[in-house]
Amino acid sequence: MQLFSVVIFANDTLLKSTNKFDEFFILSPQEQKRTLKKSFETRLKHMQNIYYCMEVCYYDGKSGNESTVPFKTQYRHWQLKKAYRMDVEQIHLSDQTSTHWSRAIFDPEAGEIRSTFKSDKTSDRVFGRIDTSIDPLVWSNRYRCWLNKDILLGDVLDDNSFIFSHALSQEDNWDIAPFENKTIRLVLNYKNQSVVNCSGKRTLILDTDKDFLPINGYSRWDGFMASGDEWWWEENFNVEKNAEINGIWMPMQILENIERSDNPNFLAVDKITVSEIEIGNVVESDVFLPFHEGTEVTDAIKGVSYKTDTNGEPIDSTIEPLYGLDPSQVKLPEPPKRKINIILIVSGILLIVTALYILFKKRRTLN
């Protein structure tokens, strides 16, 4: 897929560059920025409708033992604009059995997240929750850092975690230069807003033949916590496999390393492998699913608990206020207000006044 074509004049002869790397560095610095910006924005626009299935294996990079963590996590993520559904399952590496399964569905119009959780240890019991806070298993999905930022309600990841959104926010200080193997080196500011006197840099290596897909990255910031303690964070990633999906190049296998000052002897390594991915095919029925029948739901917004029927709706006989909650805080439906008929009220008053007047007049006559 050709992104652009640059035509120049040299010695009155029409020339055309032969590859995208050469084409890019013929451009002026301003045009280079505009080209990268357009590519990143186009990519994020497509990320508003995406489905993927991926799994993550974790281990300590300094020990070299890939079985440091005895389980892997599988994510299935459906994104439709700001609405999403994410199914998460943790699996034992030894026998491939599931330790637990969860689902989170975010409805942006209602401003709520419906979560479902099932553990093998609880037999067939399924638990649900309606809340405004996000399930930690959802925000721990690092692959969504390649999508839009602010797509999850109650997100704990900072803006720096979202590669393209963060890059676009730093457009004014981009440092663009050619790099080895005809790639582009993009350097930008990188810091954590919650850390005092924090400063750092992020370097992205972009593949010009793959729509400027970052194939390697290194980031580090240094600063101080509110307590005065020194704090630093260092991470790098390498895209080991990639694929073109509906005209958009996506990473299919990523090795990500994270090291931090509070645990300098541990190197967290995430090996991310994508097995399925689609762009532009997600519909509402993929995202919005009801609770399973018999789910034990805690509604933290209304302050009640209940079990669900075959349609995923509350069974009236099971609805109870949450244990220990002040009854005055339970958001129960208000009783319907009676409509007041002003005409009847006024007519009644007139009848009473007329009756009193007639009675008073008769008494005067008798006297």
Protein backbone atom coordinates (compact mmCIF):
# COMPACT_ATOMS: atom_id res chain seq x y z
CA MET A 1 0.00 0.00 0.00
CA GLN A 2 1.60 3.27 -1.12
CA LEU A 3 1.03 6.10 1.35
CA PHE A 4 2.21 8.99 -0.75
CA SER A 5 4.32 9.84 -3.75
CA VAL A 6 6.75 12.75 -3.97
CA VAL A 7 7.67 14.35 -7.28
CA ILE A 8 10.63 16.76 -7.52
CA PHE A 9 12.47 18.65 -10.25
CA ALA A 10 16.24 18.44 -10.62
CA ASN A 11 18.08 19.92 -13.59
CA ASP A 12 14.71 20.37 -15.32
CA THR A 13 14.21 16.62 -15.27
CA LEU A 14 11.16 15.04 -13.63
CA LEU A 15 12.36 12.57 -10.98
CA LYS A 16 10.43 10.22 -8.74
CA SER A 17 11.96 8.58 -5.68
CA THR A 18 11.98 4.80 -5.72
CA ASN A 19 11.10 3.94 -2.10
CA LYS A 20 9.15 5.39 0.78
CA PHE A 21 12.20 6.03 2.92
CA ASP A 22 13.77 8.23 0.22
CA GLU A 23 10.42 9.88 -0.46
CA PHE A 24 9.97 10.78 3.19
CA PHE A 25 13.35 12.47 3.62
CA ILE A 26 12.92 14.49 0.44
CA LEU A 27 10.09 16.25 2.27
CA SER A 28 10.68 19.40 4.32
CA PRO A 29 10.65 18.99 8.14
CA GLN A 30 7.13 20.47 8.27
CA GLU A 31 5.90 18.04 5.61
CA GLN A 32 7.53 15.14 7.43
CA LYS A 33 5.56 16.04 10.57
CA ARG A 34 2.33 16.38 8.62
CA THR A 35 2.89 12.97 6.99
CA LEU A 36 3.49 11.21 10.32
CA LYS A 37 0.58 13.02 11.95
CA LYS A 38 -1.81 11.98 9.17
CA SER A 39 -0.63 8.37 9.40
CA PHE A 40 -1.08 8.23 13.19
CA GLU A 41 -4.51 9.91 13.06
CA THR A 42 -5.71 7.54 10.33
CA ARG A 43 -4.56 4.58 12.39
CA LEU A 44 -6.41 5.77 15.51
CA LYS A 45 -9.58 6.36 13.50
CA HIS A 46 -9.56 2.71 12.44
CA MET A 47 -8.95 1.62 16.03
CA GLN A 48 -12.47 2.78 16.94
CA ASN A 49 -13.78 -0.47 15.44
CA ILE A 50 -11.53 -3.41 16.18
CA TYR A 51 -11.62 -6.94 17.55
CA TYR A 52 -8.61 -9.01 18.57
CA CYS A 53 -7.71 -12.07 20.61
CA MET A 54 -4.30 -12.15 22.19
CA GLU A 55 -2.48 -13.79 25.07
CA VAL A 56 0.28 -12.59 27.36
CA CYS A 57 2.97 -14.65 29.08
CA TYR A 58 4.91 -13.05 31.93
CA TYR A 59 8.36 -13.71 33.35
CA ASP A 60 11.37 -12.13 35.03
CA GLY A 61 13.84 -11.12 32.36
CA LYS A 62 16.78 -11.09 34.78
CA SER A 63 16.23 -14.69 35.88
CA GLY A 64 15.82 -15.87 32.29
CA ASN A 65 13.11 -18.26 33.46
CA GLU A 66 10.02 -17.96 31.28
CA SER A 67 7.96 -19.96 33.80
CA THR A 68 8.44 -17.36 36.58
CA VAL A 69 4.68 -16.72 36.48
CA PRO A 70 2.78 -20.03 36.22
CA PHE A 71 -0.12 -18.66 34.15
CA LYS A 72 -0.87 -16.68 31.01
CA THR A 73 -3.74 -14.28 30.33
CA GLN A 74 -5.95 -14.32 27.25
CA TYR A 75 -7.84 -11.19 26.18
CA ARG A 76 -10.67 -10.87 23.68
CA HIS A 77 -11.45 -7.21 23.03
CA TRP A 78 -14.32 -5.73 20.98
CA GLN A 79 -14.12 -1.94 20.56
CA LEU A 80 -16.94 0.09 18.98
CA LYS A 81 -16.17 3.80 19.26
CA LYS A 82 -16.17 4.40 23.04
CA ALA A 83 -18.13 1.25 23.89
CA TYR A 84 -16.24 -1.96 24.50
CA ARG A 85 -16.45 -5.53 25.67
CA MET A 86 -13.44 -7.37 27.02
CA ASP A 87 -13.33 -11.05 27.99
CA VAL A 88 -10.34 -12.05 30.12
CA GLU A 89 -9.24 -15.57 31.06
CA GLN A 90 -6.23 -16.67 33.10
CA ILE A 91 -4.86 -20.09 32.16
CA HIS A 92 -2.40 -22.40 33.96
CA LEU A 93 0.70 -23.03 31.84
CA SER A 94 1.13 -26.55 33.22
CA ASP A 95 -2.18 -28.09 32.13
CA GLN A 96 -3.88 -25.24 30.19
CA THR A 97 -6.84 -25.21 32.60
CA SER A 98 -8.63 -21.96 33.38
CA THR A 99 -8.12 -20.35 36.78
CA HIS A 100 -10.91 -17.81 36.27
CA TRP A 101 -12.81 -15.90 33.61
CA SER A 102 -14.19 -12.36 33.59
CA ARG A 103 -16.02 -10.01 31.25
CA ALA A 104 -16.38 -6.23 31.27
CA ILE A 105 -18.82 -4.26 29.11
CA PHE A 106 -18.75 -0.47 29.05
CA ASP A 107 -21.82 1.47 27.97
CA PRO A 108 -20.72 5.09 27.37
CA GLU A 109 -24.30 6.39 27.28
CA ALA A 110 -25.15 4.93 30.68
CA GLY A 111 -21.65 5.67 32.01
CA GLU A 112 -21.43 2.26 33.64
CA ILE A 113 -19.42 -0.94 33.47
CA ARG A 114 -21.08 -4.36 33.74
CA SER A 115 -18.58 -6.96 34.90
CA THR A 116 -18.97 -10.74 35.15
CA PHE A 117 -16.64 -13.08 37.03
CA LYS A 118 -16.49 -16.85 37.26
CA SER A 119 -13.96 -18.99 39.14
CA ASP A 120 -13.59 -22.75 38.96
CA LYS A 121 -13.36 -22.77 42.74
CA THR A 122 -16.95 -21.56 43.03
CA SER A 123 -18.46 -24.31 40.90
CA ASP A 124 -21.17 -22.93 38.61
CA ARG A 125 -21.72 -19.69 40.49
CA VAL A 126 -21.34 -16.56 38.36
CA PHE A 127 -20.95 -13.10 39.89
CA GLY A 128 -21.80 -9.78 38.27
CA ARG A 129 -21.26 -6.14 39.15
CA ILE A 130 -22.56 -2.83 37.85
CA ASP A 131 -20.22 0.02 38.72
CA THR A 132 -18.32 3.02 37.40
CA SER A 133 -14.85 1.62 38.19
CA ILE A 134 -12.90 -0.62 35.87
CA ASP A 135 -11.87 -4.23 36.46
CA PRO A 136 -8.06 -4.37 37.03
CA LEU A 137 -7.83 -7.33 34.66
CA VAL A 138 -9.11 -5.08 31.89
CA TRP A 139 -6.70 -2.20 32.30
CA SER A 140 -3.77 -4.62 32.57
CA ASN A 141 -4.23 -5.38 28.86
CA ARG A 142 -1.13 -3.75 27.40
CA TYR A 143 -2.05 -4.36 23.76
CA ARG A 144 -4.68 -1.64 23.96
CA CYS A 145 -1.80 0.83 24.33
CA TRP A 146 -1.65 0.56 20.54
CA LEU A 147 -5.26 1.82 20.32
CA ASN A 148 -6.93 5.09 21.37
CA LYS A 149 -6.38 6.54 24.82
CA ASP A 150 -9.29 7.32 27.16
CA ILE A 151 -11.36 4.44 25.82
CA LEU A 152 -11.89 2.88 29.22
CA LEU A 153 -13.92 4.36 32.05
CA GLY A 154 -11.85 4.68 35.21
CA ASP A 155 -8.59 4.00 33.38
CA VAL A 156 -5.46 3.92 35.54
CA LEU A 157 -2.94 4.07 32.70
CA ASP A 158 -1.48 7.51 32.07
CA ASP A 159 -1.47 9.19 28.67
CA ASN A 160 2.13 8.12 28.04
CA SER A 161 1.06 4.49 27.83
CA PHE A 162 -0.85 5.03 24.58
CA ILE A 163 1.81 5.12 21.88
CA PHE A 164 0.10 7.03 19.07
CA SER A 165 -2.09 9.31 21.17
CA HIS A 166 0.94 10.32 23.22
CA ALA A 167 3.05 10.89 20.10
CA LEU A 168 0.38 13.19 18.63
CA SER A 169 0.22 15.18 21.88
CA GLN A 170 3.97 15.82 21.60
CA GLU A 171 3.96 16.88 17.95
CA ASP A 172 5.55 20.25 18.68
CA ASN A 173 8.75 18.68 20.01
CA TRP A 174 9.21 15.80 17.57
CA ASP A 175 12.81 15.08 16.61
CA ILE A 176 12.78 13.15 13.32
CA ALA A 177 15.90 11.56 11.83
CA PRO A 178 16.86 8.69 9.50
CA PHE A 179 17.91 5.49 11.23
CA GLU A 180 19.49 2.19 10.29
CA ASN A 181 17.91 -0.20 7.76
CA LYS A 182 15.98 2.70 6.23
CA THR A 183 13.78 3.30 9.25
CA ILE A 184 12.85 6.58 10.97
CA ARG A 185 13.84 7.55 14.49
CA LEU A 186 11.20 9.66 16.26
CA VAL A 187 12.18 11.15 19.65
CA LEU A 188 9.68 12.97 21.88
CA ASN A 189 9.21 14.08 25.47
CA TYR A 190 8.09 11.44 27.91
CA LYS A 191 7.13 11.93 31.56
CA ASN A 192 4.69 10.94 34.27
CA GLN A 193 2.35 13.75 35.34
CA SER A 194 2.06 12.41 38.90
CA VAL A 195 5.82 12.52 39.52
CA VAL A 196 7.51 15.75 40.71
CA ASN A 197 10.21 17.29 38.48
CA CYS A 198 9.79 14.43 36.03
CA SER A 199 11.48 14.45 32.64
CA GLY A 200 12.35 11.86 30.05
CA LYS A 201 12.39 10.84 26.41
CA ARG A 202 10.71 8.22 24.27
CA THR A 203 12.33 6.92 21.09
CA LEU A 204 10.26 5.15 18.45
CA ILE A 205 11.73 3.39 15.42
CA LEU A 206 9.22 3.55 12.55
CA ASP A 207 9.08 1.24 9.54
CA THR A 208 8.47 3.34 6.43
CA ASP A 209 7.34 0.31 4.41
CA LYS A 210 4.62 -0.51 6.96
CA ASP A 211 2.73 2.75 7.34
CA PHE A 212 5.22 4.04 9.95
CA LEU A 213 4.46 1.19 12.34
CA PRO A 214 6.75 1.45 15.41
CA ILE A 215 8.82 -1.74 15.38
CA ASN A 216 11.00 -0.81 18.35
CA GLY A 217 10.78 1.65 21.21
CA TYR A 218 12.69 2.78 24.27
CA SER A 219 11.37 5.09 27.01
CA ARG A 220 12.67 6.39 30.33
CA TRP A 221 11.71 9.11 32.76
CA ASP A 222 13.28 10.22 36.06
CA GLY A 223 11.76 12.27 38.86
CA PHE A 224 10.78 12.36 42.51
CA MET A 225 7.75 11.10 44.40
CA ALA A 226 5.81 13.41 46.72
CA SER A 227 7.76 11.84 49.60
CA GLY A 228 11.01 13.09 48.05
CA ASP A 229 12.21 9.63 47.01
CA GLU A 230 13.86 9.32 43.62
CA TRP A 231 11.72 7.48 41.07
CA TRP A 232 12.47 6.24 37.57
CA TRP A 233 10.75 4.09 34.98
CA GLU A 234 12.28 2.39 31.95
CA GLU A 235 10.59 0.34 29.27
CA ASN A 236 11.28 -0.92 25.78
CA PHE A 237 9.44 -3.01 23.24
CA ASN A 238 10.27 -4.93 20.10
CA VAL A 239 7.68 -5.94 17.48
CA GLU A 240 8.75 -9.42 16.45
CA LYS A 241 5.85 -10.09 14.05
CA ASN A 242 3.36 -7.86 12.26
CA ALA A 243 0.60 -8.11 9.66
CA GLU A 244 -1.44 -5.83 7.41
CA ILE A 245 -5.13 -5.85 8.43
CA ASN A 246 -7.52 -3.98 6.12
CA GLY A 247 -4.71 -1.70 5.02
CA ILE A 248 -3.41 -1.04 8.56
CA TRP A 249 -0.18 -2.62 9.78
CA MET A 250 -0.61 -4.08 13.26
CA PRO A 251 1.85 -5.72 15.68
CA MET A 252 1.16 -9.45 16.05
CA GLN A 253 3.90 -10.39 18.50
CA ILE A 254 5.53 -7.97 20.95
CA LEU A 255 8.22 -8.44 23.56
CA GLU A 256 7.91 -5.69 26.18
CA ASN A 257 10.29 -5.06 29.10
CA ILE A 258 9.58 -2.79 32.07
CA GLU A 259 12.00 -1.91 34.88
CA ARG A 260 11.35 0.52 37.75
CA SER A 261 13.23 2.03 40.65
CA ASP A 262 11.13 0.46 43.42
CA ASN A 263 12.18 -3.04 42.25
CA PRO A 264 15.45 -2.65 40.30
CA ASN A 265 16.34 -6.34 40.61
CA PHE A 266 13.26 -7.43 38.66
CA LEU A 267 12.75 -7.00 34.92
CA ALA A 268 9.09 -7.51 34.01
CA VAL A 269 8.78 -9.12 30.59
CA ASP A 270 5.47 -9.42 28.73
CA LYS A 271 5.34 -11.59 25.64
CA ILE A 272 2.21 -10.60 23.70
CA THR A 273 0.95 -12.81 20.88
CA VAL A 274 -2.10 -11.89 18.75
CA SER A 275 -3.94 -14.87 17.23
CA GLU A 276 -7.01 -13.10 15.77
CA ILE A 277 -7.63 -9.54 14.66
CA GLU A 278 -10.30 -7.75 12.60
CA ILE A 279 -10.78 -4.08 11.80
CA GLY A 280 -14.15 -2.55 10.91
CA ASN A 281 -16.37 -5.60 11.59
CA VAL A 282 -17.57 -4.99 15.17
CA VAL A 283 -21.31 -4.39 15.65
CA GLU A 284 -23.40 -3.56 18.73
CA SER A 285 -24.48 -7.17 19.27
CA ASP A 286 -20.80 -8.12 19.71
CA VAL A 287 -20.41 -5.63 22.55
CA PHE A 288 -23.67 -5.43 24.48
CA LEU A 289 -24.54 -8.77 26.06
CA PRO A 290 -26.90 -9.40 29.01
CA PHE A 291 -25.86 -11.14 32.23
CA HIS A 292 -26.07 -14.93 32.17
CA GLU A 293 -29.14 -16.49 33.80
CA GLY A 294 -28.59 -16.97 37.53
CA THR A 295 -25.81 -14.38 37.81
CA GLU A 296 -25.50 -12.97 41.33
CA VAL A 297 -25.32 -9.25 40.63
CA THR A 298 -24.15 -6.43 42.87
CA ASP A 299 -25.37 -3.08 41.57
CA ALA A 300 -23.05 -0.58 43.24
CA ILE A 301 -24.82 2.32 41.52
CA LYS A 302 -28.33 1.59 42.79
CA GLY A 303 -27.13 -0.08 45.99
CA VAL A 304 -28.93 -3.40 45.53
CA SER A 305 -28.14 -7.04 44.80
CA TYR A 306 -30.19 -9.63 42.92
CA LYS A 307 -30.14 -12.71 40.71
CA THR A 308 -30.94 -12.58 37.01
CA ASP A 309 -33.60 -14.34 34.96
CA THR A 310 -33.29 -15.92 31.52
CA ASN A 311 -33.09 -12.44 29.94
CA GLY A 312 -30.39 -11.24 32.32
CA GLU A 313 -32.85 -8.98 34.14
CA PRO A 314 -33.35 -8.79 37.94
CA ILE A 315 -35.72 -11.30 39.55
CA ASP A 316 -37.94 -9.09 41.74
CA SER A 317 -38.07 -11.55 44.64
CA THR A 318 -34.26 -11.55 44.91
CA ILE A 319 -33.70 -7.77 45.03
CA GLU A 320 -32.17 -6.69 48.36
CA PRO A 321 -30.32 -3.59 49.63
CA LEU A 322 -26.57 -4.11 49.84
CA TYR A 323 -25.44 -5.39 53.24
CA GLY A 324 -24.27 -2.66 55.58
CA LEU A 325 -25.48 0.16 53.33
CA ASP A 326 -27.34 3.06 54.86
CA PRO A 327 -30.97 2.59 53.67
CA SER A 328 -31.14 6.32 52.97
CA GLN A 329 -28.44 5.87 50.31
CA VAL A 330 -30.21 3.11 48.43
CA LYS A 331 -31.44 4.53 45.13
CA LEU A 332 -34.90 2.98 44.94
CA PRO A 333 -37.47 4.21 42.39
CA GLU A 334 -39.53 7.14 43.59
CA PRO A 335 -43.31 6.51 43.92
CA PRO A 336 -45.35 8.10 41.14
CA LYS A 337 -46.55 11.59 41.88
CA ARG A 338 -50.30 12.19 41.80
CA LYS A 339 -51.46 14.73 39.29
CA ILE A 340 -53.32 17.66 40.86
CA ASN A 341 -56.43 18.88 39.03
CA ILE A 342 -56.42 22.64 39.55
CA ILE A 343 -59.92 23.07 38.08
CA LEU A 344 -61.48 20.70 40.61
CA ILE A 345 -59.71 22.41 43.51
CA VAL A 346 -60.85 25.89 42.43
CA SER A 347 -64.43 24.63 41.85
CA GLY A 348 -64.50 23.07 45.32
CA ILE A 349 -63.38 26.29 46.95
CA LEU A 350 -66.06 28.27 45.09
CA LEU A 351 -68.76 25.80 46.22
CA ILE A 352 -67.65 26.12 49.84
CA VAL A 353 -67.62 29.93 49.69
CA THR A 354 -71.09 29.99 48.03
CA ALA A 355 -72.55 27.67 50.64
CA LEU A 356 -71.16 29.76 53.48
CA TYR A 357 -72.56 32.95 51.88
CA ILE A 358 -76.08 31.45 51.54
CA LEU A 359 -76.01 30.16 55.12
CA PHE A 360 -74.87 33.53 56.44
CA LYS A 361 -77.62 35.35 54.46
CA LYS A 362 -80.38 33.04 55.79
CA ARG A 363 -79.28 33.65 59.36
CA ARG A 364 -79.48 37.43 58.83
CA THR A 365 -82.98 37.06 57.35
CA LEU A 366 -84.20 35.04 60.36
CA ASN A 367 -82.86 37.65 62.71
